[in-house]
Amino acid sequence: NTLETVQMQCAGKALEELLISAKHQECLTVGVYESAKVMNVNPDSVAFCVLVTDKEYECNIALQIHFTLIQAFCFENDIDIVKVNDLQHMAKIVGCPGMSCDLQDMHCVLLTSPNEKSWRDINLQKLNAYCEESRICNEFLPVVTLPAR
C-alpha cells in the first residue's frame, strides 16, 4: 500500500531526527541490558523505545526473549515502541565518541527524559501518532524504515 509506505518513510525521518536530537541532549539509553536497567529502576523516565533487528536476531533466542520482555514492559507502561530492521544505519545515528556503543548490544534504544514534560518534540508526536494508527490496525510493533543515506 502506497499510503503505508509514505507513512513509514515519514515515521523513519521523524525517528532519525528524534534520535539525533535526543543524542545531543544526552537522553538516549543504548543497549538491551542498559535499557532493561532503566526500565526497572526508573520506568517513568522512558518516553519511547526502539528495537533494532538484524540477521543475528533471527538466530539469537536470548535476544528474542529480551525483545518479548521489553515489548511487554512497554505495552504495560504505555510506552510507544517501534522496530527498525537496520542495525548498521541505527549505529551510525546513535553511535558517537564518548558513548559505549558495542554494535552487538545496540538492539534496544530508549529515549529517556528526566521528567515527563521535557519531551515536547514534534517528531516524538509524529511517532506517537504513527504507533497509535498502527495499534488501530492491530499492528502492535510497527516497523519504521530509516531514510536512506
N, C-alpha and C. Protein backbone atom coordinates (compact mmCIF):
# COMPACT_ATOMS: atom_id res chain seq x y z
N ASN A 1 0.85 -1.18 0.00
CA ASN A 1 0.00 0.00 0.00
C ASN A 1 0.89 1.25 0.00
N THR A 2 0.63 2.17 -0.91
CA THR A 2 1.45 3.36 -1.07
C THR A 2 1.33 4.29 0.14
N LEU A 3 0.13 4.44 0.69
CA LEU A 3 -0.06 5.30 1.85
C LEU A 3 0.75 4.80 3.04
N GLU A 4 0.74 3.48 3.24
CA GLU A 4 1.52 2.89 4.34
C GLU A 4 3.00 3.15 4.15
N THR A 5 3.48 3.05 2.91
CA THR A 5 4.89 3.29 2.62
C THR A 5 5.25 4.74 2.94
N VAL A 6 4.41 5.68 2.54
CA VAL A 6 4.66 7.10 2.81
C VAL A 6 4.67 7.35 4.32
N GLN A 7 3.70 6.76 5.03
CA GLN A 7 3.65 6.93 6.48
C GLN A 7 4.90 6.35 7.14
N MET A 8 5.35 5.18 6.66
CA MET A 8 6.54 4.55 7.23
C MET A 8 7.77 5.42 6.98
N GLN A 9 7.87 6.03 5.78
CA GLN A 9 9.00 6.89 5.47
C GLN A 9 8.98 8.15 6.34
N CYS A 10 7.79 8.72 6.54
CA CYS A 10 7.65 9.90 7.41
C CYS A 10 8.05 9.54 8.84
N ALA A 11 7.62 8.38 9.29
CA ALA A 11 7.96 7.92 10.64
C ALA A 11 9.46 7.69 10.74
N GLY A 12 10.07 7.17 9.68
CA GLY A 12 11.52 6.94 9.68
C GLY A 12 12.30 8.23 9.78
N LYS A 13 11.87 9.24 9.03
CA LYS A 13 12.53 10.55 9.09
C LYS A 13 12.36 11.16 10.47
N ALA A 14 11.14 11.06 11.03
CA ALA A 14 10.88 11.59 12.36
C ALA A 14 11.73 10.88 13.41
N LEU A 15 11.86 9.55 13.27
CA LEU A 15 12.66 8.78 14.23
C LEU A 15 14.13 9.19 14.16
N GLU A 16 14.66 9.31 12.95
CA GLU A 16 16.06 9.70 12.80
C GLU A 16 16.31 11.07 13.44
N GLU A 17 15.44 12.04 13.18
CA GLU A 17 15.61 13.38 13.74
C GLU A 17 15.47 13.36 15.25
N LEU A 18 14.52 12.56 15.76
CA LEU A 18 14.32 12.46 17.21
C LEU A 18 15.54 11.86 17.88
N LEU A 19 16.09 10.81 17.30
CA LEU A 19 17.27 10.16 17.89
C LEU A 19 18.48 11.10 17.90
N ILE A 20 18.66 11.84 16.82
CA ILE A 20 19.78 12.79 16.75
C ILE A 20 19.62 13.87 17.82
N SER A 21 18.41 14.39 17.94
CA SER A 21 18.12 15.41 18.95
C SER A 21 18.35 14.86 20.36
N ALA A 22 17.85 13.66 20.61
CA ALA A 22 17.98 13.04 21.94
C ALA A 22 19.45 12.75 22.26
N LYS A 23 20.22 12.36 21.24
CA LYS A 23 21.65 12.09 21.45
C LYS A 23 22.35 13.36 21.90
N HIS A 24 22.05 14.48 21.24
CA HIS A 24 22.68 15.75 21.60
C HIS A 24 22.29 16.20 23.01
N GLN A 25 21.09 15.82 23.43
CA GLN A 25 20.62 16.19 24.77
C GLN A 25 20.97 15.13 25.82
N GLU A 26 21.71 14.11 25.38
CA GLU A 26 22.12 13.01 26.24
C GLU A 26 20.92 12.33 26.90
N CYS A 27 19.90 12.06 26.09
CA CYS A 27 18.68 11.43 26.57
C CYS A 27 18.44 10.07 25.92
N LEU A 28 19.53 9.40 25.50
CA LEU A 28 19.40 8.07 24.91
C LEU A 28 20.02 7.03 25.83
N THR A 29 19.39 5.90 25.91
CA THR A 29 19.97 4.73 26.56
C THR A 29 20.13 3.69 25.47
N VAL A 30 21.36 3.24 25.24
CA VAL A 30 21.64 2.30 24.16
C VAL A 30 22.06 0.96 24.75
N GLY A 31 21.40 -0.10 24.29
CA GLY A 31 21.77 -1.44 24.72
C GLY A 31 20.63 -2.14 25.42
N VAL A 32 20.52 -3.43 25.19
CA VAL A 32 19.45 -4.23 25.78
C VAL A 32 19.55 -4.21 27.30
N TYR A 33 20.74 -4.46 27.82
CA TYR A 33 20.91 -4.57 29.27
C TYR A 33 20.77 -3.21 29.95
N GLU A 34 21.35 -2.18 29.34
CA GLU A 34 21.22 -0.83 29.90
C GLU A 34 19.76 -0.40 29.90
N SER A 35 19.05 -0.72 28.82
CA SER A 35 17.64 -0.36 28.72
C SER A 35 16.81 -1.08 29.78
N ALA A 36 17.10 -2.36 29.98
CA ALA A 36 16.39 -3.13 31.00
C ALA A 36 16.60 -2.52 32.38
N LYS A 37 17.83 -2.07 32.65
CA LYS A 37 18.12 -1.43 33.95
C LYS A 37 17.28 -0.17 34.13
N VAL A 38 17.26 0.68 33.09
CA VAL A 38 16.49 1.92 33.17
C VAL A 38 15.00 1.62 33.38
N MET A 39 14.48 0.65 32.62
CA MET A 39 13.07 0.29 32.74
C MET A 39 12.74 -0.22 34.15
N ASN A 40 13.69 -0.91 34.74
CA ASN A 40 13.49 -1.47 36.06
C ASN A 40 13.58 -0.40 37.15
N VAL A 41 14.58 0.47 37.05
CA VAL A 41 14.85 1.46 38.09
C VAL A 41 13.97 2.70 37.96
N ASN A 42 13.78 3.17 36.71
CA ASN A 42 13.05 4.43 36.52
C ASN A 42 12.15 4.35 35.29
N PRO A 43 11.10 3.53 35.33
CA PRO A 43 10.25 3.35 34.15
C PRO A 43 9.56 4.63 33.68
N ASP A 44 9.31 5.57 34.60
CA ASP A 44 8.65 6.81 34.21
C ASP A 44 9.52 7.71 33.34
N SER A 45 10.82 7.43 33.31
CA SER A 45 11.72 8.27 32.51
C SER A 45 11.74 7.85 31.04
N VAL A 46 11.13 6.71 30.71
CA VAL A 46 11.18 6.19 29.34
C VAL A 46 10.06 6.84 28.51
N ALA A 47 10.46 7.54 27.45
CA ALA A 47 9.50 8.23 26.59
C ALA A 47 9.20 7.46 25.30
N PHE A 48 10.15 6.62 24.84
CA PHE A 48 9.98 5.93 23.57
C PHE A 48 11.01 4.81 23.50
N CYS A 49 10.66 3.73 22.79
CA CYS A 49 11.55 2.58 22.69
C CYS A 49 11.70 2.14 21.23
N VAL A 50 12.93 1.82 20.85
CA VAL A 50 13.21 1.31 19.51
C VAL A 50 13.92 -0.04 19.66
N LEU A 51 13.36 -1.07 19.03
CA LEU A 51 14.01 -2.37 18.98
C LEU A 51 14.63 -2.51 17.60
N VAL A 52 15.89 -2.93 17.55
CA VAL A 52 16.62 -2.98 16.29
C VAL A 52 17.00 -4.43 15.99
N THR A 53 16.57 -4.92 14.84
CA THR A 53 16.87 -6.30 14.47
C THR A 53 17.88 -6.33 13.33
N ASP A 54 18.51 -7.49 13.19
CA ASP A 54 19.42 -7.75 12.08
C ASP A 54 19.41 -9.26 11.85
N LYS A 55 20.32 -9.75 11.03
CA LYS A 55 20.35 -11.19 10.75
C LYS A 55 20.61 -12.00 12.02
N GLU A 56 21.44 -11.47 12.92
CA GLU A 56 21.75 -12.17 14.16
C GLU A 56 20.49 -12.42 15.00
N TYR A 57 19.58 -11.47 14.96
CA TYR A 57 18.36 -11.55 15.76
C TYR A 57 17.58 -12.83 15.47
N GLU A 58 17.52 -13.22 14.18
CA GLU A 58 16.77 -14.40 13.78
C GLU A 58 17.28 -15.67 14.45
N CYS A 59 18.57 -15.72 14.77
CA CYS A 59 19.19 -16.92 15.35
C CYS A 59 19.42 -16.82 16.85
N ASN A 60 19.18 -15.66 17.43
CA ASN A 60 19.53 -15.42 18.82
C ASN A 60 18.29 -15.51 19.71
N ILE A 61 18.08 -16.67 20.30
CA ILE A 61 16.89 -16.91 21.13
C ILE A 61 16.89 -15.99 22.35
N ALA A 62 18.05 -15.80 22.98
CA ALA A 62 18.13 -14.93 24.16
C ALA A 62 17.69 -13.51 23.81
N LEU A 63 18.14 -13.00 22.67
CA LEU A 63 17.76 -11.66 22.24
C LEU A 63 16.25 -11.59 21.98
N GLN A 64 15.70 -12.63 21.36
CA GLN A 64 14.25 -12.65 21.11
C GLN A 64 13.47 -12.62 22.42
N ILE A 65 13.96 -13.33 23.43
CA ILE A 65 13.29 -13.31 24.74
C ILE A 65 13.37 -11.91 25.35
N HIS A 66 14.54 -11.28 25.26
CA HIS A 66 14.68 -9.90 25.76
C HIS A 66 13.69 -8.97 25.06
N PHE A 67 13.58 -9.11 23.74
CA PHE A 67 12.65 -8.27 22.98
C PHE A 67 11.22 -8.48 23.47
N THR A 68 10.85 -9.72 23.71
CA THR A 68 9.50 -10.02 24.18
C THR A 68 9.25 -9.36 25.53
N LEU A 69 10.22 -9.44 26.42
CA LEU A 69 10.08 -8.83 27.75
C LEU A 69 10.02 -7.30 27.65
N ILE A 70 10.86 -6.72 26.80
CA ILE A 70 10.85 -5.26 26.62
C ILE A 70 9.52 -4.82 26.04
N GLN A 71 9.01 -5.55 25.03
CA GLN A 71 7.70 -5.21 24.45
C GLN A 71 6.61 -5.27 25.52
N ALA A 72 6.62 -6.31 26.33
CA ALA A 72 5.60 -6.46 27.38
C ALA A 72 5.67 -5.29 28.35
N PHE A 73 6.88 -4.91 28.73
CA PHE A 73 7.06 -3.79 29.64
C PHE A 73 6.49 -2.51 29.01
N CYS A 74 6.82 -2.28 27.75
CA CYS A 74 6.34 -1.07 27.07
C CYS A 74 4.83 -1.04 26.97
N PHE A 75 4.23 -2.17 26.60
CA PHE A 75 2.77 -2.22 26.49
C PHE A 75 2.13 -1.95 27.85
N GLU A 76 2.70 -2.53 28.89
CA GLU A 76 2.15 -2.40 30.24
C GLU A 76 2.27 -0.97 30.75
N ASN A 77 3.30 -0.26 30.32
CA ASN A 77 3.55 1.09 30.81
C ASN A 77 3.21 2.19 29.80
N ASP A 78 2.46 1.83 28.77
CA ASP A 78 2.03 2.80 27.75
C ASP A 78 3.18 3.56 27.11
N ILE A 79 4.24 2.84 26.80
CA ILE A 79 5.39 3.42 26.12
C ILE A 79 5.32 2.98 24.66
N ASP A 80 5.33 3.94 23.75
CA ASP A 80 5.30 3.59 22.33
C ASP A 80 6.62 2.93 21.95
N ILE A 81 6.50 1.96 21.04
CA ILE A 81 7.65 1.15 20.66
C ILE A 81 7.58 0.86 19.16
N VAL A 82 8.73 0.92 18.49
CA VAL A 82 8.80 0.58 17.06
C VAL A 82 9.98 -0.35 16.84
N LYS A 83 9.97 -0.99 15.68
CA LYS A 83 11.06 -1.88 15.29
C LYS A 83 11.73 -1.30 14.05
N VAL A 84 13.06 -1.38 14.05
CA VAL A 84 13.87 -0.95 12.91
C VAL A 84 14.69 -2.17 12.49
N ASN A 85 14.77 -2.42 11.19
CA ASN A 85 15.47 -3.60 10.68
C ASN A 85 16.86 -3.29 10.12
N ASP A 86 17.52 -2.26 10.63
CA ASP A 86 18.81 -1.86 10.07
C ASP A 86 19.77 -1.45 11.18
N LEU A 87 20.48 -2.42 11.74
CA LEU A 87 21.39 -2.18 12.85
C LEU A 87 22.53 -1.25 12.46
N GLN A 88 23.09 -1.43 11.26
CA GLN A 88 24.21 -0.60 10.81
C GLN A 88 23.80 0.88 10.73
N HIS A 89 22.65 1.13 10.15
CA HIS A 89 22.16 2.51 10.00
C HIS A 89 21.89 3.11 11.38
N MET A 90 21.27 2.33 12.24
CA MET A 90 20.98 2.80 13.59
C MET A 90 22.27 3.13 14.33
N ALA A 91 23.30 2.30 14.16
CA ALA A 91 24.58 2.54 14.81
C ALA A 91 25.19 3.86 14.36
N LYS A 92 25.03 4.20 13.07
CA LYS A 92 25.55 5.46 12.56
C LYS A 92 24.84 6.65 13.20
N ILE A 93 23.55 6.49 13.48
CA ILE A 93 22.78 7.59 14.06
C ILE A 93 23.11 7.78 15.54
N VAL A 94 23.06 6.70 16.30
CA VAL A 94 23.19 6.85 17.76
C VAL A 94 24.61 6.65 18.27
N GLY A 95 25.48 6.02 17.48
CA GLY A 95 26.85 5.82 17.92
C GLY A 95 27.62 7.12 17.89
N CYS A 96 28.42 7.34 18.92
CA CYS A 96 29.20 8.57 18.94
C CYS A 96 30.36 8.43 19.91
N PRO A 97 31.40 9.23 19.75
CA PRO A 97 32.51 9.20 20.70
C PRO A 97 31.98 9.52 22.09
N GLY A 98 32.52 8.85 23.07
CA GLY A 98 32.07 9.11 24.44
C GLY A 98 30.94 8.21 24.88
N MET A 99 30.24 7.59 23.93
CA MET A 99 29.19 6.64 24.27
C MET A 99 29.75 5.24 24.09
N SER A 100 29.47 4.37 25.02
CA SER A 100 29.95 3.00 24.85
C SER A 100 28.99 2.29 23.90
N CYS A 101 29.35 2.22 22.65
CA CYS A 101 28.46 1.66 21.63
C CYS A 101 29.02 0.35 21.09
N ASP A 102 28.70 -0.72 21.76
CA ASP A 102 29.04 -2.04 21.26
C ASP A 102 27.96 -2.43 20.26
N LEU A 103 28.33 -2.64 19.02
CA LEU A 103 27.35 -2.95 17.98
C LEU A 103 26.49 -4.15 18.34
N GLN A 104 27.08 -5.10 19.06
CA GLN A 104 26.32 -6.30 19.45
C GLN A 104 25.21 -5.97 20.44
N ASP A 105 25.32 -4.86 21.14
CA ASP A 105 24.32 -4.54 22.15
C ASP A 105 23.53 -3.28 21.79
N MET A 106 23.37 -3.03 20.51
CA MET A 106 22.61 -1.85 20.09
C MET A 106 21.20 -2.24 19.66
N HIS A 107 20.73 -3.37 20.12
CA HIS A 107 19.43 -3.86 19.68
C HIS A 107 18.26 -3.16 20.35
N CYS A 108 18.53 -2.36 21.35
CA CYS A 108 17.45 -1.61 22.00
C CYS A 108 17.96 -0.20 22.28
N VAL A 109 17.15 0.79 21.95
CA VAL A 109 17.48 2.19 22.22
C VAL A 109 16.26 2.82 22.88
N LEU A 110 16.48 3.44 24.03
CA LEU A 110 15.41 4.14 24.72
C LEU A 110 15.63 5.64 24.65
N LEU A 111 14.55 6.36 24.45
CA LEU A 111 14.55 7.81 24.59
C LEU A 111 14.09 8.05 26.03
N THR A 112 14.96 8.65 26.81
CA THR A 112 14.63 8.87 28.22
C THR A 112 14.59 10.36 28.51
N SER A 113 13.92 10.70 29.59
CA SER A 113 13.90 12.09 29.98
C SER A 113 13.81 12.18 31.49
N PRO A 114 14.43 13.20 32.04
CA PRO A 114 14.42 13.35 33.49
C PRO A 114 13.02 13.62 34.04
N ASN A 115 12.20 14.30 33.25
CA ASN A 115 10.81 14.49 33.67
C ASN A 115 9.89 14.43 32.48
N GLU A 116 8.64 14.12 32.74
CA GLU A 116 7.66 13.85 31.70
C GLU A 116 7.48 15.00 30.72
N LYS A 117 7.58 16.22 31.20
CA LYS A 117 7.27 17.39 30.37
C LYS A 117 8.42 17.81 29.47
N SER A 118 9.61 17.21 29.65
CA SER A 118 10.76 17.70 28.90
C SER A 118 10.74 17.29 27.42
N TRP A 119 9.92 16.30 27.03
CA TRP A 119 9.88 15.91 25.62
C TRP A 119 8.59 16.39 24.97
N ARG A 120 8.68 17.52 24.31
CA ARG A 120 7.56 18.05 23.53
C ARG A 120 7.99 18.17 22.08
N ASP A 121 8.76 17.22 21.63
CA ASP A 121 9.34 17.22 20.29
C ASP A 121 8.27 16.85 19.27
N ILE A 122 8.20 17.59 18.18
CA ILE A 122 7.21 17.32 17.12
C ILE A 122 7.43 15.94 16.52
N ASN A 123 8.70 15.51 16.45
CA ASN A 123 8.99 14.19 15.89
C ASN A 123 8.48 13.07 16.80
N LEU A 124 8.56 13.29 18.11
CA LEU A 124 8.01 12.31 19.05
C LEU A 124 6.49 12.24 18.89
N GLN A 125 5.87 13.39 18.69
CA GLN A 125 4.41 13.42 18.48
C GLN A 125 4.03 12.67 17.19
N LYS A 126 4.84 12.86 16.13
CA LYS A 126 4.58 12.14 14.87
C LYS A 126 4.70 10.63 15.07
N LEU A 127 5.72 10.22 15.82
CA LEU A 127 5.91 8.79 16.07
C LEU A 127 4.82 8.22 16.95
N ASN A 128 4.39 8.98 17.95
CA ASN A 128 3.29 8.54 18.80
C ASN A 128 2.02 8.35 17.95
N ALA A 129 1.77 9.26 17.02
CA ALA A 129 0.60 9.15 16.14
C ALA A 129 0.73 7.93 15.23
N TYR A 130 1.93 7.68 14.71
CA TYR A 130 2.18 6.51 13.86
C TYR A 130 1.91 5.22 14.64
N CYS A 131 2.38 5.17 15.88
CA CYS A 131 2.15 3.99 16.72
C CYS A 131 0.67 3.81 17.02
N GLU A 132 -0.01 4.91 17.28
CA GLU A 132 -1.45 4.84 17.57
C GLU A 132 -2.22 4.31 16.35
N GLU A 133 -1.88 4.82 15.17
CA GLU A 133 -2.53 4.33 13.95
C GLU A 133 -2.25 2.85 13.73
N SER A 134 -1.04 2.43 14.02
CA SER A 134 -0.67 1.02 13.87
C SER A 134 -1.48 0.14 14.81
N ARG A 135 -1.65 0.60 16.06
CA ARG A 135 -2.43 -0.18 17.03
C ARG A 135 -3.88 -0.34 16.58
N ILE A 136 -4.42 0.70 15.96
CA ILE A 136 -5.80 0.64 15.45
C ILE A 136 -5.92 -0.48 14.42
N CYS A 137 -4.84 -0.71 13.67
CA CYS A 137 -4.80 -1.79 12.67
C CYS A 137 -4.29 -3.10 13.25
N ASN A 138 -4.23 -3.19 14.58
CA ASN A 138 -3.75 -4.38 15.29
C ASN A 138 -2.30 -4.73 14.99
N GLU A 139 -1.51 -3.72 14.67
CA GLU A 139 -0.07 -3.92 14.50
C GLU A 139 0.59 -3.29 15.72
N PHE A 140 0.99 -4.12 16.67
CA PHE A 140 1.45 -3.61 17.95
C PHE A 140 2.95 -3.34 18.01
N LEU A 141 3.68 -3.78 17.02
CA LEU A 141 5.10 -3.46 16.93
C LEU A 141 5.36 -2.96 15.52
N PRO A 142 5.00 -1.70 15.25
CA PRO A 142 5.15 -1.18 13.89
C PRO A 142 6.61 -1.08 13.48
N VAL A 143 6.85 -1.32 12.20
CA VAL A 143 8.19 -1.24 11.63
C VAL A 143 8.41 0.14 11.07
N VAL A 144 9.58 0.70 11.33
CA VAL A 144 9.96 2.00 10.79
C VAL A 144 11.20 1.80 9.94
N THR A 145 11.20 2.39 8.75
CA THR A 145 12.35 2.34 7.87
C THR A 145 13.07 3.68 7.92
N LEU A 146 14.32 3.64 8.33
CA LEU A 146 15.09 4.88 8.41
C LEU A 146 15.39 5.39 7.00
N PRO A 147 15.51 6.71 6.82
CA PRO A 147 15.79 7.26 5.49
C PRO A 147 17.12 6.74 4.96
N ALA A 148 17.17 6.54 3.66
CA ALA A 148 18.40 6.07 3.02
C ALA A 148 19.48 7.13 3.16
N ARG A 149 20.71 6.68 3.31
CA ARG A 149 21.84 7.62 3.45
C ARG A 149 22.71 7.56 2.22
